[in-house]
Amino acid sequence: MFSWVKQEQGGSNKEGEMYQTVTEGLQTLYTKKLLPLEETYLFHDFHSPALEAADFQSKPMVLLVGQYSTGKTTFIRYLLEQDFPGMRIGPEPTTDGFIAVMYGENEGVVPGNALVVDPKKPFRKLNAFGNSFLNRFICSQMPNQVLQSISIIDTPGILSGEKQRISRGYDFAEVLRWFGERVDRIILLFDAHKLDISDEFSEAIKAFKGQDDKIRVVLNKADQVDTQQLMRVYGALMWSLGKVINTPEVVRVYLGSFWAKPLQNTENRRLFEAESQDLFRDIQSLPRNAALRKLNDLIKRARLAKVHAYIISYLKKEMPSLFGREKKKDELIQRLPEIYTVLQREHHISPGDFPNVTKMQDMLQHYDFSKFPSLKVKLIEKVDKMLASKIAVLMAMIREEEAKQPPAMVSGGAFEGSQDGPFGQGYGEGISAGADAEDWIVSRDKHRYDEIFYTLMPVNGKITGVNAKKEMMNSRLPNTVLGKIWKLADCDQDGMLDDEEFALAQHLIKIKLEGYELPTELPNHLVPPSHRKNPTADALYNHIED
């Protein structure tokens, strides 16, 4: 078991607090330290509803967002490898609501109004968006191995052109922002033939401001274009994203065709396989990083809550006691950008920690500033203490928990066996080539390597490092790479190469020039027969040579 302080018989901090798990620690810190500050300064009215136990205890969630017919629902079916209740797939906008695909012993659908009263689900605060939203929100439950580790949120297809003017009946961008704050990964899906970012899609992406580290982009249906068109499509996508996601970092884009049908264009098959494996690894890592993500989100929330408290208390301080309140209120709202600057200097706050000034101005119109609370220093100090010391202890606990009981990676569905067998990525290629062959794969080209070897003036069947270096430098590989190849090829570590070791060095150079990575240790199937400890392998090699 884990406690706040590492002691043999449990432990507690100076305040007598003791936690068995990181999740419990996060929940207790939020309830005792941060929640009082949020409630005092109306944080929940301005920014985000209060967190509940289910928010800390829920499985990692993946949110899929994209225009209609980009393959969001098909992507979920591809991961699960089975249909889920409430699923509809078609070229038209079929998914007209939000679907939370979660694990359940019995297959079925839970409607939104029932979902938001379930204390075990992290959706209770969605009740604030009203019936128009809840009528378009369901939970699809099913017994699936993938869903034992993660939950997936499917969203309505975002409309373009005239269609986006039709009102949805609820604030779509605000709902996405709510989910964006709570999920572990946000995947934006694009179609290779549908790269335009409509106004509604642009607003949706902007709703994820502050969650940039969670965003990944998938360019789906990439097999429907050839290599030249794919390069142009990729460039156009990055240009479009650059106008919406205002960050200096390049967003990670995965290319592929995420459905279980034959590729229409196979010339980029290896690229698609590598990209899909990268995406799978990213999703599989979510359970391992879930506690760290919740900790990170709690820190971001605490910083915003502190800034919000400074803003509210400053507005209260500037209000007159009796006359001219409305006039002063209007003046303060207009001066809000200047107030931000004043608070930055006074409290040493980064500009990036402040909420959107335009949105804040609109919301402040509906409040009486004279009823705002004054600055309560003790509440601020509690949060500062939490950030300065308690969070660091939780960080150590996360590592301790991972070391003693590592979280299970996502498995089942499309994740099952994707790395095993002859269809795993890289099987039979590069350094793995010849792993299941009876002969030594280097021997297939050894006659060519021998011709070079005997021109390098071997002495007693071996060439010196100086002579080997001259030939190996012809590959134009960096010295660091050639040095690694030398260490791998010099099996007996005598500083010289015999004919087999030289052939191995040439084979490793060839592998590197073809774009594959070198191993840290030489695999058994590449060890030259004369340097093997297995006499059976030597006999087999000699028989082949004869």
Protein backbone atom coordinates (compact mmCIF):
# COMPACT_ATOMS: atom_id res chain seq x y z
CA MET A 1 0.00 0.00 0.00
CA PHE A 2 1.08 3.59 -0.49
CA SER A 3 0.99 6.41 2.02
CA TRP A 4 1.73 10.10 2.06
CA VAL A 5 5.09 9.53 3.70
CA LYS A 6 7.16 6.40 3.12
CA GLN A 7 7.14 4.64 6.48
CA GLU A 8 7.06 1.00 7.38
CA GLN A 9 3.81 1.34 9.37
CA GLY A 10 1.97 3.78 7.12
CA GLY A 11 2.44 7.49 7.33
CA SER A 12 0.92 10.92 7.33
CA ASN A 13 1.96 14.47 6.70
CA LYS A 14 1.99 17.31 9.23
CA GLU A 15 -1.78 17.74 8.85
CA GLY A 16 -2.39 14.07 9.56
CA GLU A 17 -3.49 13.29 6.01
CA MET A 18 -2.84 9.80 4.71
CA TYR A 19 -3.50 8.46 1.22
CA GLN A 20 -3.51 4.90 -0.03
CA THR A 21 -3.43 5.77 -3.76
CA VAL A 22 -2.64 8.71 -6.03
CA THR A 23 -6.30 8.93 -7.07
CA GLU A 24 -7.37 9.28 -3.44
CA GLY A 25 -4.66 11.89 -2.88
CA LEU A 26 -5.77 13.97 -5.88
CA GLN A 27 -9.41 13.82 -4.80
CA THR A 28 -8.61 14.83 -1.21
CA LEU A 29 -6.33 17.69 -2.26
CA TYR A 30 -8.99 19.03 -4.61
CA THR A 31 -11.77 18.81 -2.01
CA LYS A 32 -9.82 20.30 0.89
CA LYS A 33 -7.50 22.81 -0.80
CA LEU A 34 -8.84 23.90 -4.18
CA LEU A 35 -12.63 23.52 -3.97
CA PRO A 36 -13.06 26.15 -1.19
CA LEU A 37 -11.25 28.71 -3.38
CA GLU A 38 -13.40 27.82 -6.40
CA GLU A 39 -16.68 28.08 -4.46
CA THR A 40 -15.74 31.39 -2.81
CA TYR A 41 -14.96 33.17 -6.10
CA LEU A 42 -17.72 31.64 -8.31
CA PHE A 43 -15.19 29.71 -10.40
CA HIS A 44 -17.82 27.15 -11.41
CA ASP A 45 -20.09 29.85 -12.89
CA PHE A 46 -17.31 31.36 -14.98
CA HIS A 47 -15.15 28.42 -16.04
CA SER A 48 -15.78 24.77 -15.23
CA PRO A 49 -18.16 22.80 -12.95
CA ALA A 50 -16.81 21.27 -9.76
CA LEU A 51 -15.02 17.92 -10.07
CA GLU A 52 -16.58 14.82 -8.53
CA ALA A 53 -15.25 11.44 -7.39
CA ALA A 54 -16.04 9.87 -10.78
CA ASP A 55 -13.81 12.44 -12.51
CA PHE A 56 -10.81 11.14 -10.56
CA GLN A 57 -11.69 7.44 -10.72
CA SER A 58 -12.82 7.14 -14.36
CA LYS A 59 -10.85 5.28 -17.03
CA PRO A 60 -8.86 7.27 -19.61
CA MET A 61 -11.13 8.73 -22.30
CA VAL A 62 -10.48 9.38 -25.99
CA LEU A 63 -12.54 12.07 -27.76
CA LEU A 64 -13.03 11.84 -31.55
CA VAL A 65 -13.88 15.06 -33.41
CA GLY A 66 -14.23 15.67 -37.14
CA GLN A 67 -16.48 16.66 -39.99
CA TYR A 68 -19.15 14.23 -41.10
CA SER A 69 -18.06 11.17 -43.09
CA THR A 70 -14.40 11.39 -42.02
CA GLY A 71 -14.66 7.94 -40.42
CA LYS A 72 -15.06 8.66 -36.68
CA THR A 73 -17.55 5.89 -35.95
CA THR A 74 -15.73 3.52 -38.33
CA PHE A 75 -12.49 4.30 -36.46
CA ILE A 76 -14.11 3.19 -33.18
CA ARG A 77 -15.40 0.01 -34.82
CA TYR A 78 -11.91 -0.61 -36.20
CA LEU A 79 -10.38 -0.37 -32.71
CA LEU A 80 -13.05 -2.54 -31.05
CA GLU A 81 -13.37 -4.98 -33.97
CA GLN A 82 -17.11 -5.23 -33.36
CA ASP A 83 -20.24 -3.11 -33.68
CA PHE A 84 -21.42 -1.16 -30.65
CA PRO A 85 -25.03 -0.33 -29.67
CA GLY A 86 -26.31 2.89 -31.26
CA MET A 87 -23.71 2.78 -34.06
CA ARG A 88 -24.70 4.19 -37.45
CA ILE A 89 -22.29 4.54 -40.38
CA GLY A 90 -22.93 6.25 -43.71
CA PRO A 91 -21.68 8.93 -46.14
CA GLU A 92 -24.22 11.42 -44.79
CA PRO A 93 -24.16 12.95 -41.26
CA THR A 94 -25.35 9.83 -39.38
CA THR A 95 -24.08 10.32 -35.81
CA ASP A 96 -26.31 13.22 -34.70
CA GLY A 97 -25.32 13.11 -31.03
CA PHE A 98 -22.61 12.26 -28.54
CA ILE A 99 -22.02 8.56 -27.82
CA ALA A 100 -19.89 7.48 -24.85
CA VAL A 101 -18.68 3.96 -25.68
CA MET A 102 -17.85 2.32 -22.36
CA TYR A 103 -17.35 -1.10 -20.80
CA GLY A 104 -20.36 -2.92 -19.38
CA GLU A 105 -21.12 -6.55 -18.57
CA ASN A 106 -24.40 -6.32 -20.47
CA GLU A 107 -24.72 -4.80 -23.93
CA GLY A 108 -27.14 -1.87 -24.14
CA VAL A 109 -27.77 1.87 -24.36
CA VAL A 110 -28.24 4.31 -21.46
CA PRO A 111 -30.02 7.58 -22.41
CA GLY A 112 -28.48 10.93 -21.47
CA ASN A 113 -30.99 11.94 -18.78
CA ALA A 114 -30.37 8.68 -16.91
CA LEU A 115 -26.63 8.97 -17.47
CA VAL A 116 -26.22 12.34 -15.77
CA VAL A 117 -27.73 11.08 -12.49
CA ASP A 118 -25.40 8.07 -12.27
CA PRO A 119 -22.72 8.91 -9.64
CA LYS A 120 -20.41 6.21 -11.03
CA LYS A 121 -20.15 7.94 -14.43
CA PRO A 122 -18.14 11.16 -14.93
CA PHE A 123 -20.99 12.93 -16.77
CA ARG A 124 -23.17 14.38 -14.00
CA LYS A 125 -22.17 18.00 -14.67
CA LEU A 126 -23.38 17.73 -18.29
CA ASN A 127 -26.84 18.26 -16.84
CA ALA A 128 -26.18 22.00 -17.14
CA PHE A 129 -26.46 21.84 -20.97
CA GLY A 130 -30.17 21.00 -20.77
CA ASN A 131 -32.53 18.58 -22.47
CA SER A 132 -31.59 19.62 -26.01
CA PHE A 133 -28.16 18.14 -25.38
CA LEU A 134 -29.16 15.24 -23.14
CA ASN A 135 -31.64 13.98 -25.75
CA ARG A 136 -28.63 13.64 -28.11
CA PHE A 137 -26.31 12.01 -25.60
CA ILE A 138 -26.20 8.26 -24.91
CA CYS A 139 -23.84 5.75 -23.33
CA SER A 140 -23.21 2.61 -25.36
CA GLN A 141 -22.13 -0.20 -23.04
CA MET A 142 -20.67 -3.52 -24.15
CA PRO A 143 -18.28 -6.23 -22.90
CA ASN A 144 -15.17 -5.50 -24.98
CA GLN A 145 -11.55 -5.98 -23.92
CA VAL A 146 -10.42 -2.60 -25.31
CA LEU A 147 -13.07 -0.83 -23.22
CA GLN A 148 -11.73 -2.39 -20.02
CA SER A 149 -8.83 0.07 -20.28
CA ILE A 150 -10.26 3.14 -22.06
CA SER A 151 -13.58 4.79 -22.94
CA ILE A 152 -14.22 6.43 -26.32
CA ILE A 153 -16.45 9.45 -26.99
CA ASP A 154 -17.97 9.71 -30.49
CA THR A 155 -19.22 13.17 -31.49
CA PRO A 156 -21.66 14.46 -34.12
CA GLY A 157 -20.19 15.05 -37.57
CA ILE A 158 -19.33 18.74 -37.85
CA LEU A 159 -21.25 20.40 -40.67
CA SER A 160 -19.90 22.65 -43.39
CA GLY A 161 -21.32 25.35 -45.66
CA GLU A 162 -25.00 26.20 -45.25
CA LYS A 163 -25.62 23.19 -43.02
CA GLN A 164 -23.62 24.68 -40.15
CA ARG A 165 -26.09 27.54 -39.80
CA ILE A 166 -28.72 25.13 -38.52
CA SER A 167 -28.83 25.47 -34.74
CA ARG A 168 -28.11 22.32 -32.74
CA GLY A 169 -30.19 23.54 -29.80
CA TYR A 170 -27.20 23.56 -27.41
CA ASP A 171 -23.76 25.14 -27.24
CA PHE A 172 -21.75 22.59 -29.24
CA ALA A 173 -18.38 24.29 -28.65
CA GLU A 174 -18.96 24.50 -24.88
CA VAL A 175 -19.83 20.80 -24.71
CA LEU A 176 -16.59 20.00 -26.55
CA ARG A 177 -14.67 22.27 -24.18
CA TRP A 178 -16.18 20.37 -21.22
CA PHE A 179 -15.09 17.05 -22.67
CA GLY A 180 -11.70 18.45 -23.70
CA GLU A 181 -10.87 19.34 -20.09
CA ARG A 182 -11.63 15.80 -18.89
CA VAL A 183 -10.44 13.43 -21.62
CA ASP A 184 -6.90 12.08 -21.96
CA ARG A 185 -6.62 12.28 -25.75
CA ILE A 186 -8.37 14.40 -28.41
CA ILE A 187 -8.20 12.97 -31.93
CA LEU A 188 -9.14 15.28 -34.82
CA LEU A 189 -10.07 13.23 -37.89
CA PHE A 190 -9.70 14.52 -41.45
CA ASP A 191 -10.59 12.92 -44.76
CA ALA A 192 -7.99 13.00 -47.55
CA HIS A 193 -10.74 14.50 -49.77
CA LYS A 194 -12.21 16.81 -47.11
CA LEU A 195 -9.53 19.13 -45.76
CA ASP A 196 -11.51 22.36 -45.47
CA ILE A 197 -12.01 23.54 -41.88
CA SER A 198 -15.51 25.00 -41.62
CA ASP A 199 -16.45 27.78 -39.21
CA GLU A 200 -18.02 25.29 -36.79
CA PHE A 201 -14.97 23.00 -36.96
CA SER A 202 -12.72 26.00 -36.35
CA GLU A 203 -14.78 26.95 -33.28
CA ALA A 204 -14.61 23.34 -32.09
CA ILE A 205 -10.81 23.28 -32.33
CA LYS A 206 -10.56 26.64 -30.56
CA ALA A 207 -12.65 25.17 -27.73
CA PHE A 208 -9.67 22.94 -26.96
CA LYS A 209 -7.41 25.90 -26.21
CA GLY A 210 -5.12 25.01 -23.33
CA GLN A 211 -5.39 21.28 -24.12
CA ASP A 212 -2.82 21.32 -26.94
CA ASP A 213 -0.80 18.49 -25.39
CA LYS A 214 -3.81 16.16 -25.73
CA ILE A 215 -4.48 16.81 -29.43
CA ARG A 216 -3.52 14.35 -32.17
CA VAL A 217 -4.57 14.53 -35.83
CA VAL A 218 -5.48 11.58 -38.04
CA LEU A 219 -5.56 11.95 -41.84
CA ASN A 220 -7.93 9.10 -42.62
CA LYS A 221 -8.64 7.39 -45.98
CA ALA A 222 -5.08 8.23 -47.09
CA ASP A 223 -5.02 5.11 -49.28
CA GLN A 224 -7.46 6.76 -51.69
CA VAL A 225 -4.74 9.02 -53.11
CA ASP A 226 -1.33 8.23 -54.61
CA THR A 227 2.01 9.32 -53.14
CA GLN A 228 2.24 12.63 -55.00
CA GLN A 229 -1.31 13.61 -54.08
CA LEU A 230 -0.71 12.50 -50.47
CA MET A 231 2.23 14.91 -50.17
CA ARG A 232 0.04 17.77 -51.39
CA VAL A 233 -2.85 16.74 -49.11
CA TYR A 234 -0.52 16.58 -46.10
CA GLY A 235 0.90 20.03 -46.87
CA ALA A 236 -2.58 21.51 -47.31
CA LEU A 237 -3.71 19.97 -44.01
CA MET A 238 -0.76 21.41 -42.08
CA TRP A 239 -1.41 24.83 -43.64
CA SER A 240 -5.11 24.68 -42.64
CA LEU A 241 -4.29 23.55 -39.09
CA GLY A 242 -1.67 26.30 -38.72
CA LYS A 243 -4.37 28.94 -39.12
CA VAL A 244 -6.56 27.43 -36.39
CA ILE A 245 -4.14 25.94 -33.85
CA ASN A 246 -1.96 28.89 -32.93
CA THR A 247 1.05 27.10 -31.49
CA PRO A 248 4.67 27.14 -32.69
CA GLU A 249 4.84 23.34 -32.33
CA VAL A 250 3.75 21.14 -35.21
CA VAL A 251 0.75 18.95 -34.37
CA ARG A 252 1.39 15.20 -34.64
CA VAL A 253 -0.41 13.90 -37.72
CA TYR A 254 -0.97 10.17 -38.33
CA LEU A 255 -1.59 8.98 -41.90
CA GLY A 256 -3.54 5.84 -42.68
CA SER A 257 -6.75 4.09 -43.56
CA PHE A 258 -8.43 3.02 -40.37
CA TRP A 259 -10.92 0.38 -41.39
CA ALA A 260 -10.72 -3.36 -42.07
CA LYS A 261 -10.93 -3.20 -45.87
CA PRO A 262 -8.30 -3.69 -48.61
CA LEU A 263 -6.10 -0.68 -49.36
CA GLN A 264 -7.08 1.05 -52.60
CA ASN A 265 -3.51 2.25 -53.13
CA THR A 266 -0.78 -0.02 -51.76
CA GLU A 267 2.35 1.95 -52.65
CA ASN A 268 2.39 3.58 -49.16
CA ARG A 269 1.50 0.41 -47.26
CA ARG A 270 4.67 0.42 -45.12
CA LEU A 271 4.10 4.06 -44.19
CA PHE A 272 0.48 3.40 -43.18
CA GLU A 273 1.51 0.39 -41.07
CA ALA A 274 4.20 2.39 -39.26
CA GLU A 275 1.81 5.29 -38.65
CA SER A 276 -0.98 3.05 -37.32
CA GLN A 277 1.46 1.35 -34.92
CA ASP A 278 2.61 4.77 -33.67
CA LEU A 279 -1.01 5.77 -33.06
CA PHE A 280 -1.76 2.46 -31.32
CA ARG A 281 1.24 2.93 -29.03
CA ASP A 282 0.04 6.44 -28.18
CA ILE A 283 -3.43 5.16 -27.25
CA GLN A 284 -2.04 2.13 -25.42
CA SER A 285 0.07 4.39 -23.19
CA LEU A 286 -2.99 6.29 -21.88
CA PRO A 287 -3.69 4.05 -18.85
CA ARG A 288 -0.05 4.33 -17.79
CA ASN A 289 -0.16 8.13 -17.98
CA ALA A 290 -3.72 8.59 -16.64
CA ALA A 291 -2.72 9.56 -13.09
CA LEU A 292 -0.08 11.96 -14.41
CA ARG A 293 -2.65 13.55 -16.75
CA LYS A 294 -5.14 14.06 -13.89
CA LEU A 295 -2.38 15.58 -11.79
CA ASN A 296 -1.43 17.91 -14.65
CA ASP A 297 -5.07 18.95 -15.17
CA LEU A 298 -5.46 19.65 -11.45
CA ILE A 299 -2.40 21.93 -11.54
CA LYS A 300 -3.78 23.82 -14.56
CA ARG A 301 -7.14 24.17 -12.82
CA ALA A 302 -5.48 25.44 -9.62
CA ARG A 303 -3.52 28.10 -11.52
CA LEU A 304 -6.67 29.30 -13.30
CA ALA A 305 -8.63 29.34 -10.04
CA LYS A 306 -5.95 31.51 -8.40
CA VAL A 307 -5.98 33.98 -11.29
CA HIS A 308 -9.78 34.06 -11.25
CA ALA A 309 -9.74 34.84 -7.50
CA TYR A 310 -7.34 37.76 -8.10
CA ILE A 311 -9.58 39.16 -10.87
CA ILE A 312 -12.81 38.90 -8.85
CA SER A 313 -11.28 40.39 -5.68
CA TYR A 314 -9.69 43.25 -7.68
CA LEU A 315 -13.07 44.15 -9.22
CA LYS A 316 -14.62 44.11 -5.75
CA LYS A 317 -11.88 46.38 -4.37
CA GLU A 318 -12.38 48.95 -7.16
CA MET A 319 -16.15 49.26 -6.67
CA PRO A 320 -17.49 52.41 -4.88
CA SER A 321 -19.32 51.83 -1.62
CA LEU A 322 -22.54 53.72 -2.47
CA PHE A 323 -23.01 55.69 -5.69
CA GLY A 324 -22.01 55.20 -9.33
CA ARG A 325 -21.77 51.42 -9.20
CA GLU A 326 -23.15 50.72 -12.68
CA LYS A 327 -20.93 53.32 -14.28
CA LYS A 328 -17.88 51.96 -12.45
CA LYS A 329 -18.82 48.39 -13.45
CA ASP A 330 -18.93 49.33 -17.15
CA GLU A 331 -15.61 51.15 -16.80
CA LEU A 332 -13.94 48.12 -15.14
CA ILE A 333 -15.23 45.74 -17.83
CA GLN A 334 -13.80 48.00 -20.52
CA ARG A 335 -10.50 48.20 -18.63
CA LEU A 336 -10.23 44.42 -18.11
CA PRO A 337 -7.18 44.03 -20.43
CA GLU A 338 -5.38 46.71 -18.37
CA ILE A 339 -6.45 44.97 -15.13
CA TYR A 340 -4.90 41.75 -16.45
CA THR A 341 -1.61 43.60 -16.94
CA VAL A 342 -1.75 45.10 -13.43
CA LEU A 343 -2.37 41.67 -11.86
CA GLN A 344 0.43 40.13 -13.92
CA ARG A 345 2.93 42.59 -12.46
CA GLU A 346 1.53 42.58 -8.93
CA HIS A 347 1.34 38.79 -8.46
CA HIS A 348 4.02 37.68 -10.98
CA ILE A 349 1.56 35.70 -13.11
CA SER A 350 2.23 34.53 -16.65
CA PRO A 351 -0.06 36.06 -19.33
CA GLY A 352 -0.94 32.55 -20.50
CA ASP A 353 -2.63 31.77 -17.16
CA PHE A 354 -5.37 34.39 -17.68
CA PRO A 355 -8.79 33.45 -19.13
CA ASN A 356 -9.98 34.78 -22.49
CA VAL A 357 -10.57 38.51 -21.97
CA THR A 358 -13.51 38.84 -24.41
CA LYS A 359 -15.39 35.90 -22.92
CA MET A 360 -14.70 37.19 -19.39
CA GLN A 361 -16.05 40.64 -20.31
CA ASP A 362 -19.28 39.11 -21.65
CA MET A 363 -19.84 37.01 -18.52
CA LEU A 364 -19.09 39.84 -16.09
CA GLN A 365 -22.02 41.85 -17.52
CA HIS A 366 -24.44 39.63 -15.58
CA TYR A 367 -22.90 40.06 -12.10
CA ASP A 368 -23.06 42.66 -9.34
CA PHE A 369 -19.41 43.46 -8.57
CA SER A 370 -20.25 44.83 -5.12
CA LYS A 371 -21.34 41.32 -4.05
CA PHE A 372 -18.04 39.76 -5.08
CA PRO A 373 -15.87 38.54 -2.16
CA SER A 374 -12.69 40.32 -1.13
CA LEU A 375 -9.30 38.62 -1.40
CA LYS A 376 -8.94 35.89 1.21
CA VAL A 377 -5.19 35.36 1.53
CA LYS A 378 -5.52 32.10 3.49
CA LEU A 379 -7.39 30.40 0.63
CA ILE A 380 -4.68 31.46 -1.82
CA GLU A 381 -1.94 30.28 0.55
CA LYS A 382 -3.58 26.85 0.84
CA VAL A 383 -3.48 26.43 -2.93
CA ASP A 384 0.09 27.74 -3.12
CA LYS A 385 1.15 25.24 -0.45
CA MET A 386 -0.59 22.45 -2.35
CA LEU A 387 1.25 23.35 -5.56
CA ALA A 388 4.59 23.80 -3.81
CA SER A 389 4.76 20.66 -1.66
CA LYS A 390 1.78 18.28 -1.87
CA ILE A 391 1.90 17.89 -5.64
CA ALA A 392 5.59 16.92 -5.52
CA VAL A 393 4.79 14.12 -3.06
CA LEU A 394 2.01 12.84 -5.33
CA MET A 395 4.45 12.83 -8.24
CA ALA A 396 6.72 10.52 -6.26
CA MET A 397 3.74 8.32 -5.40
CA ILE A 398 2.86 7.97 -9.09
CA ARG A 399 6.32 6.57 -9.85
CA GLU A 400 6.09 4.31 -6.80
CA GLU A 401 2.72 2.93 -7.87
CA GLU A 402 3.96 2.33 -11.42
CA ALA A 403 7.02 0.47 -10.13
CA LYS A 404 5.02 -1.82 -7.84
CA GLN A 405 2.01 -2.42 -10.10
CA PRO A 406 2.35 -1.11 -13.67
CA PRO A 407 -1.05 -0.28 -15.24
CA ALA A 408 -2.12 -2.71 -17.95
CA MET A 409 -1.77 -1.38 -21.48
CA VAL A 410 -4.79 -1.26 -23.78
CA SER A 411 -5.29 -4.71 -25.30
CA GLY A 412 -7.84 -6.58 -27.37
CA GLY A 413 -9.51 -5.53 -30.61
CA ALA A 414 -7.13 -4.00 -33.17
CA PHE A 415 -4.41 -3.83 -30.48
CA GLU A 416 -4.30 -7.62 -30.09
CA GLY A 417 -1.34 -9.28 -31.73
CA SER A 418 -0.49 -6.27 -33.89
CA GLN A 419 3.19 -6.68 -32.98
CA ASP A 420 3.37 -10.46 -33.03
CA GLY A 421 3.79 -12.97 -35.86
CA PRO A 422 4.82 -12.42 -39.47
CA PHE A 423 2.39 -9.49 -39.88
CA GLY A 424 3.92 -7.43 -37.11
CA GLN A 425 5.55 -4.16 -38.12
CA GLY A 426 9.13 -4.72 -39.36
CA TYR A 427 8.91 -8.52 -39.31
CA GLY A 428 11.44 -9.99 -41.76
CA GLU A 429 12.81 -6.52 -42.59
CA GLY A 430 16.02 -4.72 -41.73
CA ILE A 431 17.80 -6.28 -38.78
CA SER A 432 15.06 -8.97 -38.48
CA ALA A 433 15.61 -10.28 -42.01
CA GLY A 434 16.79 -13.89 -41.94
CA ALA A 435 15.68 -14.50 -38.35
CA ASP A 436 13.66 -17.59 -39.35
CA ALA A 437 15.99 -18.74 -42.18
CA GLU A 438 18.11 -21.87 -41.92
CA ASP A 439 21.19 -20.28 -43.47
CA TRP A 440 23.16 -17.23 -42.36
CA ILE A 441 21.54 -14.41 -44.33
CA VAL A 442 24.88 -12.59 -44.79
CA SER A 443 26.20 -15.60 -46.74
CA ARG A 444 23.86 -14.75 -49.63
CA ASP A 445 26.02 -11.73 -50.52
CA LYS A 446 29.26 -12.94 -48.96
CA HIS A 447 30.93 -13.68 -52.30
CA ARG A 448 30.71 -9.96 -53.15
CA TYR A 449 31.99 -8.91 -49.75
CA ASP A 450 34.88 -11.43 -50.03
CA GLU A 451 36.08 -9.77 -53.24
CA ILE A 452 36.38 -6.46 -51.37
CA PHE A 453 37.89 -8.18 -48.32
CA TYR A 454 40.82 -9.68 -50.24
CA THR A 455 41.68 -6.32 -51.83
CA LEU A 456 42.27 -4.91 -48.31
CA MET A 457 45.43 -7.00 -47.77
CA PRO A 458 44.40 -9.38 -44.98
CA VAL A 459 47.15 -10.79 -42.75
CA ASN A 460 46.54 -14.25 -41.32
CA GLY A 461 42.97 -14.05 -42.58
CA LYS A 462 42.18 -10.69 -40.93
CA ILE A 463 42.23 -7.02 -41.90
CA THR A 464 43.27 -4.20 -39.59
CA GLY A 465 40.96 -1.47 -38.37
CA VAL A 466 42.77 1.08 -40.55
CA ASN A 467 42.09 -0.88 -43.74
CA ALA A 468 38.51 -1.67 -42.73
CA LYS A 469 37.88 2.00 -41.97
CA LYS A 470 38.89 3.07 -45.50
CA GLU A 471 36.29 0.76 -47.03
CA MET A 472 33.55 1.48 -44.50
CA MET A 473 33.95 5.24 -44.95
CA ASN A 474 32.83 4.81 -48.58
CA SER A 475 29.28 4.40 -47.23
CA ARG A 476 29.33 8.09 -46.17
CA LEU A 477 27.64 7.18 -42.89
CA PRO A 478 28.61 9.29 -39.83
CA ASN A 479 31.50 8.08 -37.68
CA THR A 480 29.12 7.50 -34.76
CA VAL A 481 27.10 5.02 -36.85
CA LEU A 482 30.21 3.33 -38.31
CA GLY A 483 31.64 3.02 -34.81
CA LYS A 484 28.50 1.21 -33.69
CA ILE A 485 28.68 -1.10 -36.73
CA TRP A 486 32.33 -1.87 -35.92
CA LYS A 487 31.44 -2.86 -32.34
CA LEU A 488 28.65 -5.14 -33.57
CA ALA A 489 30.79 -6.75 -36.30
CA ASP A 490 33.96 -7.29 -34.23
CA CYS A 491 32.54 -10.35 -32.48
CA ASP A 492 35.77 -11.47 -30.81
CA GLN A 493 36.73 -7.87 -29.96
CA ASP A 494 40.31 -8.26 -31.19
CA GLY A 495 40.35 -4.97 -33.10
CA MET A 496 40.47 -6.78 -36.47
CA LEU A 497 37.91 -8.31 -38.83
CA ASP A 498 38.02 -11.72 -40.46
CA ASP A 499 36.09 -12.41 -43.69
CA GLU A 500 32.83 -13.23 -41.88
CA GLU A 501 33.04 -10.23 -39.57
CA PHE A 502 33.79 -7.96 -42.53
CA ALA A 503 30.81 -9.41 -44.43
CA LEU A 504 28.66 -8.75 -41.36
CA ALA A 505 29.88 -5.14 -41.19
CA GLN A 506 28.94 -4.65 -44.86
CA HIS A 507 25.53 -6.21 -44.22
CA LEU A 508 24.89 -3.83 -41.29
CA ILE A 509 25.94 -0.87 -43.46
CA LYS A 510 23.45 -2.00 -46.09
CA ILE A 511 20.68 -2.23 -43.47
CA LYS A 512 21.42 1.30 -42.23
CA LEU A 513 21.54 2.72 -45.76
CA GLU A 514 18.09 1.22 -46.42
CA GLY A 515 16.72 3.31 -43.55
CA TYR A 516 16.47 0.73 -40.77
CA GLU A 517 17.74 1.12 -37.22
CA LEU A 518 20.69 -0.80 -35.81
CA PRO A 519 20.32 -2.95 -32.68
CA THR A 520 22.20 -2.32 -29.45
CA GLU A 521 23.25 -5.98 -29.40
CA LEU A 522 23.81 -8.31 -32.33
CA PRO A 523 20.86 -10.74 -32.78
CA ASN A 524 21.72 -14.44 -32.67
CA HIS A 525 20.80 -15.04 -36.30
CA LEU A 526 23.42 -12.49 -37.46
CA VAL A 527 26.32 -13.88 -35.43
CA PRO A 528 28.89 -15.31 -37.92
CA PRO A 529 28.87 -19.14 -37.85
CA SER A 530 32.55 -19.39 -36.87
CA HIS A 531 31.88 -17.19 -33.84
CA ARG A 532 28.85 -19.09 -32.60
CA LYS A 533 28.96 -21.30 -29.56
CA ASN A 534 26.47 -23.72 -31.09
CA PRO A 535 28.33 -26.50 -32.95
CA THR A 536 25.14 -27.59 -34.73
CA ALA A 537 24.87 -24.17 -36.39
CA ASP A 538 28.52 -24.38 -37.48
CA ALA A 539 27.99 -27.81 -38.99
CA LEU A 540 24.88 -26.60 -40.83
CA TYR A 541 26.76 -23.59 -42.23
CA ASN A 542 29.72 -25.70 -43.33
CA HIS A 543 27.35 -28.14 -45.02
CA ILE A 544 25.75 -25.27 -46.97
CA GLU A 545 29.16 -23.93 -47.97
CA ASP A 546 30.22 -27.38 -49.24
